C-alpha atoms as a PDB file:
ATOM      1  CA  UNK A   1      -3.085  25.522 -17.152  1.00  0.00           C
ATOM      2  CA  UNK A   2      -1.664  22.016 -16.781  1.00  0.00           C
ATOM      3  CA  UNK A   3      -4.480  20.643 -14.625  1.00  0.00           C
ATOM      4  CA  UNK A   4      -7.173  18.702 -16.493  1.00  0.00           C
ATOM      5  CA  UNK A   5      -9.293  16.757 -14.023  1.00  0.00           C
ATOM      6  CA  UNK A   6      -9.496  15.125 -10.613  1.00  0.00           C
ATOM      7  CA  UNK A   7     -10.981  11.708  -9.935  1.00  0.00           C
ATOM      8  CA  UNK A   8     -12.021  10.709  -6.423  1.00  0.00           C
ATOM      9  CA  UNK A   9     -10.196   7.645  -5.173  1.00  0.00           C
ATOM     10  CA  UNK A  10     -10.917   5.183  -2.339  1.00  0.00           C
ATOM     11  CA  UNK A  11      -9.879   6.591   1.003  1.00  0.00           C
ATOM     12  CA  UNK A  12     -11.683   9.277   2.951  1.00  0.00           C
ATOM     13  CA  UNK A  13     -10.188  10.954   5.985  1.00  0.00           C
ATOM     14  CA  UNK A  14     -11.373  13.593   8.416  1.00  0.00           C
ATOM     15  CA  UNK A  15      -8.758  16.092   7.318  1.00  0.00           C
ATOM     16  CA  UNK A  16      -7.917  15.033   3.750  1.00  0.00           C
ATOM     17  CA  UNK A  17      -9.415  13.816   0.481  1.00  0.00           C
ATOM     18  CA  UNK A  18      -7.771  11.459  -2.008  1.00  0.00           C
ATOM     19  CA  UNK A  19      -7.860  12.138  -5.744  1.00  0.00           C
ATOM     20  CA  UNK A  20      -6.096  11.013  -8.883  1.00  0.00           C
ATOM     21  CA  UNK A  21      -5.140  14.063 -10.898  1.00  0.00           C
ATOM     22  CA  UNK A  22      -4.553  14.266 -14.624  1.00  0.00           C
ATOM     23  CA  UNK A  23      -2.402  17.087 -15.941  1.00  0.00           C
ATOM     24  CA  UNK A  24      -0.810  18.029 -19.237  1.00  0.00           C
ATOM     25  CA  UNK A  25       2.943  17.689 -19.835  1.00  0.00           C
ATOM     26  CA  UNK A  26       4.655  17.840 -23.259  1.00  0.00           C
ATOM     27  CA  UNK A  27       1.328  17.142 -25.010  1.00  0.00           C
ATOM     28  CA  UNK A  28       0.813  14.069 -22.822  1.00  0.00           C
ATOM     29  CA  UNK A  29      -1.817  13.327 -20.212  1.00  0.00           C
ATOM     30  CA  UNK A  30       0.125  12.424 -17.075  1.00  0.00           C
ATOM     31  CA  UNK A  31      -1.419  11.251 -13.814  1.00  0.00           C
ATOM     32  CA  UNK A  32      -0.547  11.427 -10.149  1.00  0.00           C
ATOM     33  CA  UNK A  33      -2.065  10.761  -6.738  1.00  0.00           C
ATOM     34  CA  UNK A  34      -3.015  13.680  -4.515  1.00  0.00           C
ATOM     35  CA  UNK A  35      -3.874  13.755  -0.815  1.00  0.00           C
ATOM     36  CA  UNK A  36      -5.225  17.235  -0.142  1.00  0.00           C
ATOM     37  CA  UNK A  37      -6.497  18.813   3.083  1.00  0.00           C
ATOM     38  CA  UNK A  38     -10.100  19.986   3.246  1.00  0.00           C
ATOM     39  CA  UNK A  39      -8.874  23.234   4.802  1.00  0.00           C
ATOM     40  CA  UNK A  40      -6.149  25.595   3.609  1.00  0.00           C
ATOM     41  CA  UNK A  41      -2.756  24.404   2.338  1.00  0.00           C
ATOM     42  CA  UNK A  42       0.444  25.838   3.800  1.00  0.00           C
ATOM     43  CA  UNK A  43       2.825  23.054   2.732  1.00  0.00           C
ATOM     44  CA  UNK A  44       3.201  21.010  -0.452  1.00  0.00           C
ATOM     45  CA  UNK A  45       5.146  17.754  -0.491  1.00  0.00           C
ATOM     46  CA  UNK A  46       5.907  16.154  -3.856  1.00  0.00           C
ATOM     47  CA  UNK A  47       6.827  12.500  -3.405  1.00  0.00           C
ATOM     48  CA  UNK A  48       9.000  11.061  -6.167  1.00  0.00           C
ATOM     49  CA  UNK A  49       8.538   7.319  -6.282  1.00  0.00           C
ATOM     50  CA  UNK A  50      11.186   4.722  -6.901  1.00  0.00           C
ATOM     51  CA  UNK A  51      11.233   1.876  -9.394  1.00  0.00           C
ATOM     52  CA  UNK A  52       9.686   1.722 -12.831  1.00  0.00           C
ATOM     53  CA  UNK A  53       6.227   0.749 -14.049  1.00  0.00           C
ATOM     54  CA  UNK A  54       4.481  -1.421 -11.467  1.00  0.00           C
ATOM     55  CA  UNK A  55       7.650  -1.831  -9.428  1.00  0.00           C
ATOM     56  CA  UNK A  56       7.636   0.876  -6.777  1.00  0.00           C
ATOM     57  CA  UNK A  57       4.297   2.260  -7.941  1.00  0.00           C
ATOM     58  CA  UNK A  58       2.687   5.104  -6.006  1.00  0.00           C
ATOM     59  CA  UNK A  59       0.697   3.854  -3.024  1.00  0.00           C
ATOM     60  CA  UNK A  60      -1.627   5.831  -0.782  1.00  0.00           C
ATOM     61  CA  UNK A  61      -0.035   4.504   2.409  1.00  0.00           C
ATOM     62  CA  UNK A  62       3.271   6.055   1.420  1.00  0.00           C
ATOM     63  CA  UNK A  63       1.767   9.488   0.844  1.00  0.00           C
ATOM     64  CA  UNK A  64      -0.063   9.383   4.156  1.00  0.00           C
ATOM     65  CA  UNK A  65       3.299   9.211   5.920  1.00  0.00           C
ATOM     66  CA  UNK A  66       3.933  12.859   5.052  1.00  0.00           C
ATOM     67  CA  UNK A  67       0.587  14.492   5.780  1.00  0.00           C
ATOM     68  CA  UNK A  68      -0.248  17.011   8.474  1.00  0.00           C
ATOM     69  CA  UNK A  69      -3.490  19.018   8.826  1.00  0.00           C
ATOM     70  CA  UNK A  70      -2.482  21.618   6.230  1.00  0.00           C
ATOM     71  CA  UNK A  71      -0.094  19.608   4.040  1.00  0.00           C
ATOM     72  CA  UNK A  72      -0.927  18.520   0.486  1.00  0.00           C
ATOM     73  CA  UNK A  73       1.012  15.507  -0.791  1.00  0.00           C
ATOM     74  CA  UNK A  74       1.247  14.775  -4.509  1.00  0.00           C
ATOM     75  CA  UNK A  75       3.050  11.925  -6.272  1.00  0.00           C
ATOM     76  CA  UNK A  76       3.428  11.866 -10.066  1.00  0.00           C
ATOM     77  CA  UNK A  77       3.169   8.374 -11.536  1.00  0.00           C
ATOM     78  CA  UNK A  78       5.648   9.371 -14.294  1.00  0.00           C
ATOM     79  CA  UNK A  79       4.794   9.094 -17.968  1.00  0.00           C
ATOM     80  CA  UNK A  80       4.183   5.571 -19.217  1.00  0.00           C
ATOM     81  CA  UNK A  81       2.977   4.320 -15.815  1.00  0.00           C
ATOM     82  CA  UNK A  82      -0.478   3.700 -14.341  1.00  0.00           C
ATOM     83  CA  UNK A  83      -2.451   5.207 -17.189  1.00  0.00           C
ATOM     84  CA  UNK A  84      -0.088   8.091 -17.949  1.00  0.00           C
ATOM     85  CA  UNK A  85       0.708   8.559 -21.614  1.00  0.00           C
ATOM     86  CA  UNK A  86       4.213   8.444 -23.055  1.00  0.00           C
ATOM     87  CA  UNK A  87       7.343   6.504 -22.162  1.00  0.00           C
ATOM     88  CA  UNK A  88       9.469   6.664 -19.041  1.00  0.00           C
ATOM     89  CA  UNK A  89      13.050   7.761 -19.750  1.00  0.00           C
ATOM     90  CA  UNK A  90      14.489   7.319 -16.246  1.00  0.00           C
ATOM     91  CA  UNK A  91      15.430  10.920 -15.430  1.00  0.00           C
ATOM     92  CA  UNK A  92      15.035  12.084 -19.024  1.00  0.00           C
ATOM     93  CA  UNK A  93      11.969  13.917 -20.329  1.00  0.00           C
ATOM     94  CA  UNK A  94       9.969  12.428 -17.427  1.00  0.00           C
ATOM     95  CA  UNK A  95      11.624  15.085 -15.260  1.00  0.00           C
ATOM     96  CA  UNK A  96       9.102  17.459 -16.830  1.00  0.00           C
ATOM     97  CA  UNK A  97       6.366  15.484 -15.063  1.00  0.00           C
ATOM     98  CA  UNK A  98       7.885  16.686 -11.791  1.00  0.00           C
ATOM     99  CA  UNK A  99       8.522  20.273 -12.862  1.00  0.00           C
ATOM    100  CA  UNK A 100       5.053  20.814 -14.319  1.00  0.00           C
ATOM    101  CA  UNK A 101       3.388  19.281 -11.238  1.00  0.00           C
ATOM    102  CA  UNK A 102       5.380  21.565  -8.950  1.00  0.00           C
ATOM    103  CA  UNK A 103       4.599  24.630 -11.048  1.00  0.00           C
ATOM    104  CA  UNK A 104       0.909  23.732 -11.125  1.00  0.00           C
ATOM    105  CA  UNK A 105       0.733  23.267  -7.354  1.00  0.00           C
ATOM    106  CA  UNK A 106       2.679  26.447  -6.608  1.00  0.00           C
ATOM    107  CA  UNK A 107       0.277  28.400  -8.809  1.00  0.00           C
ATOM    108  CA  UNK A 108      -2.674  26.865  -6.968  1.00  0.00           C
ATOM    109  CA  UNK A 109      -1.169  27.520  -3.528  1.00  0.00           C
ATOM    110  CA  UNK A 110       1.267  30.441  -3.948  1.00  0.00           C
ATOM    111  CA  UNK A 111       1.848  30.934  -0.204  1.00  0.00           C
ATOM    112  CA  UNK A 112       2.649  27.296   0.568  1.00  0.00           C
ATOM    113  CA  UNK A 113       6.135  25.931   1.172  1.00  0.00           C
ATOM    114  CA  UNK A 114       7.351  23.227  -1.197  1.00  0.00           C
ATOM    115  CA  UNK A 115       9.416  20.175  -0.286  1.00  0.00           C
ATOM    116  CA  UNK A 116      10.454  17.310  -2.552  1.00  0.00           C
ATOM    117  CA  UNK A 117      11.005  13.777  -1.266  1.00  0.00           C
ATOM    118  CA  UNK A 118      12.855  11.431  -3.627  1.00  0.00           C
ATOM    119  CA  UNK A 119      12.949   7.744  -2.730  1.00  0.00           C
ATOM    120  CA  UNK A 120      15.283   5.252  -4.445  1.00  0.00           C
ATOM    121  CA  UNK A 121      15.123   6.004  -8.212  1.00  0.00           C
ATOM    122  CA  UNK A 122      13.176   9.109  -7.226  1.00  0.00           C
ATOM    123  CA  UNK A 123      16.374  10.369  -5.627  1.00  0.00           C
ATOM    124  CA  UNK A 124      17.927  11.345  -8.919  1.00  0.00           C
ATOM    125  CA  UNK A 125      14.593  12.699 -10.184  1.00  0.00           C
ATOM    126  CA  UNK A 126      14.616  15.143  -7.290  1.00  0.00           C
ATOM    127  CA  UNK A 127      18.285  16.060  -7.516  1.00  0.00           C
ATOM    128  CA  UNK A 128      17.697  17.087 -11.130  1.00  0.00           C
ATOM    129  CA  UNK A 129      14.564  19.152 -10.429  1.00  0.00           C
ATOM    130  CA  UNK A 130      14.574  20.574  -6.883  1.00  0.00           C
ATOM    131  CA  UNK A 131      16.403  23.724  -7.934  1.00  0.00           C
ATOM    132  CA  UNK A 132      14.324  24.265 -11.053  1.00  0.00           C
ATOM    133  CA  UNK A 133      11.101  24.252  -9.005  1.00  0.00           C
ATOM    134  CA  UNK A 134      12.680  26.417  -6.257  1.00  0.00           C
ATOM    135  CA  UNK A 135      11.857  23.966  -3.491  1.00  0.00           C
ATOM    136  CA  UNK A 136      12.292  25.023   0.124  1.00  0.00           C
ATOM    137  CA  UNK A 137      14.174  21.786   0.661  1.00  0.00           C
ATOM    138  CA  UNK A 138      14.914  18.405  -0.850  1.00  0.00           C
ATOM    139  CA  UNK A 139      14.858  15.084   1.017  1.00  0.00           C
ATOM    140  CA  UNK A 140      16.672  12.226  -0.707  1.00  0.00           C
ATOM    141  CA  UNK A 141      15.806   8.892   0.934  1.00  0.00           C
ATOM    142  CA  UNK A 142      17.712   5.756  -0.019  1.00  0.00           C
ATOM    143  CA  UNK A 143      18.223   7.633  -3.246  1.00  0.00           C
ATOM    144  CA  UNK A 144      20.206   7.106  -6.409  1.00  0.00           C
ATOM    145  CA  UNK A 145      22.744   9.864  -7.046  1.00  0.00           C
ATOM    146  CA  UNK A 146      24.953   8.295  -9.698  1.00  0.00           C
ATOM    147  CA  UNK A 147      23.310   6.281 -12.514  1.00  0.00           C
ATOM    148  CA  UNK A 148      26.649   5.117 -13.843  1.00  0.00           C
ATOM    149  CA  UNK A 149      27.528   3.650 -10.458  1.00  0.00           C
ATOM    150  CA  UNK A 150      24.097   2.068 -10.294  1.00  0.00           C
ATOM    151  CA  UNK A 151      24.755   0.420 -13.672  1.00  0.00           C
ATOM    152  CA  UNK A 152      28.042  -0.979 -12.412  1.00  0.00           C
ATOM    153  CA  UNK A 153      26.651  -2.341  -9.164  1.00  0.00           C
ATOM    154  CA  UNK A 154      23.178  -3.559 -10.100  1.00  0.00           C
ATOM    155  CA  UNK A 155      23.778  -6.237 -12.703  1.00  0.00           C
ATOM    156  CA  UNK A 156      20.071  -7.066 -12.617  1.00  0.00           C
ATOM    157  CA  UNK A 157      19.201  -3.537 -13.789  1.00  0.00           C
ATOM    158  CA  UNK A 158      21.684  -3.204 -16.628  1.00  0.00           C
ATOM    159  CA  UNK A 159      19.260  -4.369 -19.312  1.00  0.00           C
ATOM    160  CA  UNK A 160      16.662  -1.834 -18.221  1.00  0.00           C
ATOM    161  CA  UNK A 161      19.220   0.977 -18.079  1.00  0.00           C
ATOM    162  CA  UNK A 162      20.577   0.127 -21.533  1.00  0.00           C
ATOM    163  CA  UNK A 163      17.028   0.309 -22.954  1.00  0.00           C
ATOM    164  CA  UNK A 164      16.057   3.531 -21.203  1.00  0.00           C
ATOM    165  CA  UNK A 165      19.323   5.469 -20.947  1.00  0.00           C
ATOM    166  CA  UNK A 166      21.974   3.610 -22.913  1.00  0.00           C
ATOM    167  CA  UNK A 167      25.350   2.045 -22.227  1.00  0.00           C
ATOM    168  CA  UNK A 168      27.643   4.169 -20.006  1.00  0.00           C
ATOM    169  CA  UNK A 169      30.574   3.761 -22.414  1.00  0.00           C
ATOM    170  CA  UNK A 170      28.601   4.288 -25.632  1.00  0.00           C
ATOM    171  CA  UNK A 171      26.050   6.861 -24.481  1.00  0.00           C
ATOM    172  CA  UNK A 172      28.314   9.044 -22.385  1.00  0.00           C
ATOM    173  CA  UNK A 173      26.274  12.225 -22.854  1.00  0.00           C
ATOM    174  CA  UNK A 174      23.055  10.552 -21.693  1.00  0.00           C
ATOM    175  CA  UNK A 175      24.710   9.745 -18.378  1.00  0.00           C
ATOM    176  CA  UNK A 176      26.297  13.182 -18.134  1.00  0.00           C
ATOM    177  CA  UNK A 177      22.852  14.738 -18.606  1.00  0.00           C
ATOM    178  CA  UNK A 178      21.646  12.707 -15.639  1.00  0.00           C
ATOM    179  CA  UNK A 179      24.506  13.725 -13.350  1.00  0.00           C
ATOM    180  CA  UNK A 180      23.054  16.297 -10.936  1.00  0.00           C
ATOM    181  CA  UNK A 181      26.172  17.120  -8.923  1.00  0.00           C
ATOM    182  CA  UNK A 182      27.775  19.806 -11.147  1.00  0.00           C
ATOM    183  CA  UNK A 183      24.696  22.024 -10.724  1.00  0.00           C
ATOM    184  CA  UNK A 184      24.525  21.816  -6.918  1.00  0.00           C
ATOM    185  CA  UNK A 185      26.418  24.520  -5.021  1.00  0.00           C
ATOM    186  CA  UNK A 186      26.298  26.722  -1.944  1.00  0.00           C
ATOM    187  CA  UNK A 187      23.236  28.564  -3.254  1.00  0.00           C
ATOM    188  CA  UNK A 188      21.143  25.417  -3.693  1.00  0.00           C
ATOM    189  CA  UNK A 189      18.179  24.719  -1.398  1.00  0.00           C
ATOM    190  CA  UNK A 190      19.066  22.588   1.655  1.00  0.00           C
ATOM    191  CA  UNK A 191      19.219  18.813   1.273  1.00  0.00           C
ATOM    192  CA  UNK A 192      18.476  16.095   3.819  1.00  0.00           C
ATOM    193  CA  UNK A 193      20.162  12.770   3.036  1.00  0.00           C
ATOM    194  CA  UNK A 194      18.488   9.688   4.546  1.00  0.00           C
ATOM    195  CA  UNK A 195      19.972   6.247   4.040  1.00  0.00           C
ATOM    196  CA  UNK A 196      20.109   2.839   5.667  1.00  0.00           C
ATOM    197  CA  UNK A 197      23.645   1.556   6.052  1.00  0.00           C
ATOM    198  CA  UNK A 198      22.479  -1.999   5.274  1.00  0.00           C
ATOM    199  CA  UNK A 199      20.774  -0.949   2.025  1.00  0.00           C
ATOM    200  CA  UNK A 200      21.448  -3.568  -0.647  1.00  0.00           C
ATOM    201  CA  UNK A 201      19.379  -1.927  -3.402  1.00  0.00           C
ATOM    202  CA  UNK A 202      21.021   1.480  -3.351  1.00  0.00           C
ATOM    203  CA  UNK A 203      24.388   1.324  -1.618  1.00  0.00           C
ATOM    204  CA  UNK A 204      25.145   3.714   1.230  1.00  0.00           C
ATOM    205  CA  UNK A 205      28.155   5.074  -0.696  1.00  0.00           C
ATOM    206  CA  UNK A 206      25.705   6.854  -3.012  1.00  0.00           C
ATOM    207  CA  UNK A 207      24.729   8.909   0.048  1.00  0.00           C
ATOM    208  CA  UNK A 208      28.348   9.316   1.151  1.00  0.00           C
ATOM    209  CA  UNK A 209      29.391  10.563  -2.289  1.00  0.00           C
ATOM    210  CA  UNK A 210      26.555  13.089  -2.345  1.00  0.00           C
ATOM    211  CA  UNK A 211      27.398  14.329   1.157  1.00  0.00           C
ATOM    212  CA  UNK A 212      31.058  14.675   0.193  1.00  0.00           C
ATOM    213  CA  UNK A 213      30.172  16.800  -2.817  1.00  0.00           C
ATOM    214  CA  UNK A 214      27.816  18.988  -0.784  1.00  0.00           C
ATOM    215  CA  UNK A 215      30.547  19.502   1.799  1.00  0.00           C
ATOM    216  CA  UNK A 216      33.090  20.439  -0.864  1.00  0.00           C
ATOM    217  CA  UNK A 217      30.866  23.074  -2.490  1.00  0.00           C
ATOM    218  CA  UNK A 218      29.577  24.495   0.795  1.00  0.00           C
ATOM    219  CA  UNK A 219      25.958  23.442   0.249  1.00  0.00           C
ATOM    220  CA  UNK A 220      23.494  23.278   3.120  1.00  0.00           C
ATOM    221  CA  UNK A 221      22.735  19.695   4.106  1.00  0.00           C
ATOM    222  CA  UNK A 222      22.157  17.229   6.922  1.00  0.00           C
ATOM    223  CA  UNK A 223      22.397  13.452   7.070  1.00  0.00           C
ATOM    224  CA  UNK A 224      20.243  10.878   8.825  1.00  0.00           C
ATOM    225  CA  UNK A 225      21.904   7.489   8.546  1.00  0.00           C
ATOM    226  CA  UNK A 226      20.304   4.397  10.067  1.00  0.00           C
ATOM    227  CA  UNK A 227      23.018   1.903  10.906  1.00  0.00           C
ATOM    228  CA  UNK A 228      20.884  -1.247  11.112  1.00  0.00           C
ATOM    229  CA  UNK A 229      18.323  -0.500   8.388  1.00  0.00           C
ATOM    230  CA  UNK A 230      18.044  -1.496   4.745  1.00  0.00           C
ATOM    231  CA  UNK A 231      16.286   0.141   1.804  1.00  0.00           C
ATOM    232  CA  UNK A 232      13.004   0.480   3.725  1.00  0.00           C
ATOM    233  CA  UNK A 233      13.291   0.949   7.506  1.00  0.00           C
ATOM    234  CA  UNK A 234      11.545  -1.387   9.911  1.00  0.00           C
ATOM    235  CA  UNK A 235       8.536   0.015  11.838  1.00  0.00           C
ATOM    236  CA  UNK A 236      10.330   1.568  14.821  1.00  0.00           C
ATOM    237  CA  UNK A 237      13.091   2.991  12.637  1.00  0.00           C
ATOM    238  CA  UNK A 238      10.439   4.263  10.212  1.00  0.00           C
ATOM    239  CA  UNK A 239       8.768   6.234  13.004  1.00  0.00           C
ATOM    240  CA  UNK A 240      12.061   7.906  13.840  1.00  0.00           C
ATOM    241  CA  UNK A 241      12.866   8.899  10.294  1.00  0.00           C
ATOM    242  CA  UNK A 242       9.358  10.217   9.611  1.00  0.00           C
ATOM    243  CA  UNK A 243       9.511  12.322  12.777  1.00  0.00           C
ATOM    244  CA  UNK A 244      12.862  13.700  11.644  1.00  0.00           C
ATOM    245  CA  UNK A 245      11.428  14.544   8.217  1.00  0.00           C
ATOM    246  CA  UNK A 246       8.520  16.439   9.776  1.00  0.00           C
ATOM    247  CA  UNK A 247      10.946  18.403  11.951  1.00  0.00           C
ATOM    248  CA  UNK A 248      13.172  19.106   8.947  1.00  0.00           C
ATOM    249  CA  UNK A 249      10.278  20.436   6.861  1.00  0.00           C
ATOM    250  CA  UNK A 250       9.048  22.575   9.740  1.00  0.00           C
ATOM    251  CA  UNK A 251      12.520  24.109  10.107  1.00  0.00           C
ATOM    252  CA  UNK A 252      12.662  24.940   6.411  1.00  0.00           C
ATOM    253  CA  UNK A 253       9.056  25.930   5.737  1.00  0.00           C
ATOM    254  CA  UNK A 254       9.685  29.647   5.994  1.00  0.00           C
ATOM    255  CA  UNK A 255      12.938  29.601   4.031  1.00  0.00           C
ATOM    256  CA  UNK A 256      13.254  29.949   0.280  1.00  0.00           C
END
């Protein structure tokens, strides 16, 4: 059993409790934040954070955006972050932190639907794991699809990517291993692509390229583009996208 312990965290709600969970992955103690309903669970949402280390760290407010009375939301911190042992590899062995968490939660709640939400860097984490964990659906939000393209466009991130993944021309296999598209086909779980057209951190063409591939292979997908929004939508636009996500999950809850 991967689960080790739960620690109560600040934040008490009528319908949910907040805990920091520790679980075992690859002989490492990895942590994540859990918002769990006091009553039964019929839906699990795994939120895959963006960034690295303290940048983009898991925050309670973000998880609360996805709750409903019988929805459990869990967000792995990723190894090497916020008290988790090990070292982040940016869609390398840290993918196991996602897979083990999903397996653990599905064993705990075998009748619940499972949805993954990958934001920013979390986008590629989800694209590389959503089929392995047999998610009902995957929601990629402002997400990275192509690490090589990210290296080319984000000059400010090249040093980090060289340390964690390698150089695209010298470490070709490392980038190939992190390319999720060849494994996505018509049999893959449905994907919802959300992206702001004014996003300057993860360009909208990452979403366009993913949608084009999904169209070519006959995969099930929908898009929700926000013309005037950037990486994080403004309040009114945020309400619209969160409502769409809830509707999407409801439509796919009973599908496998």
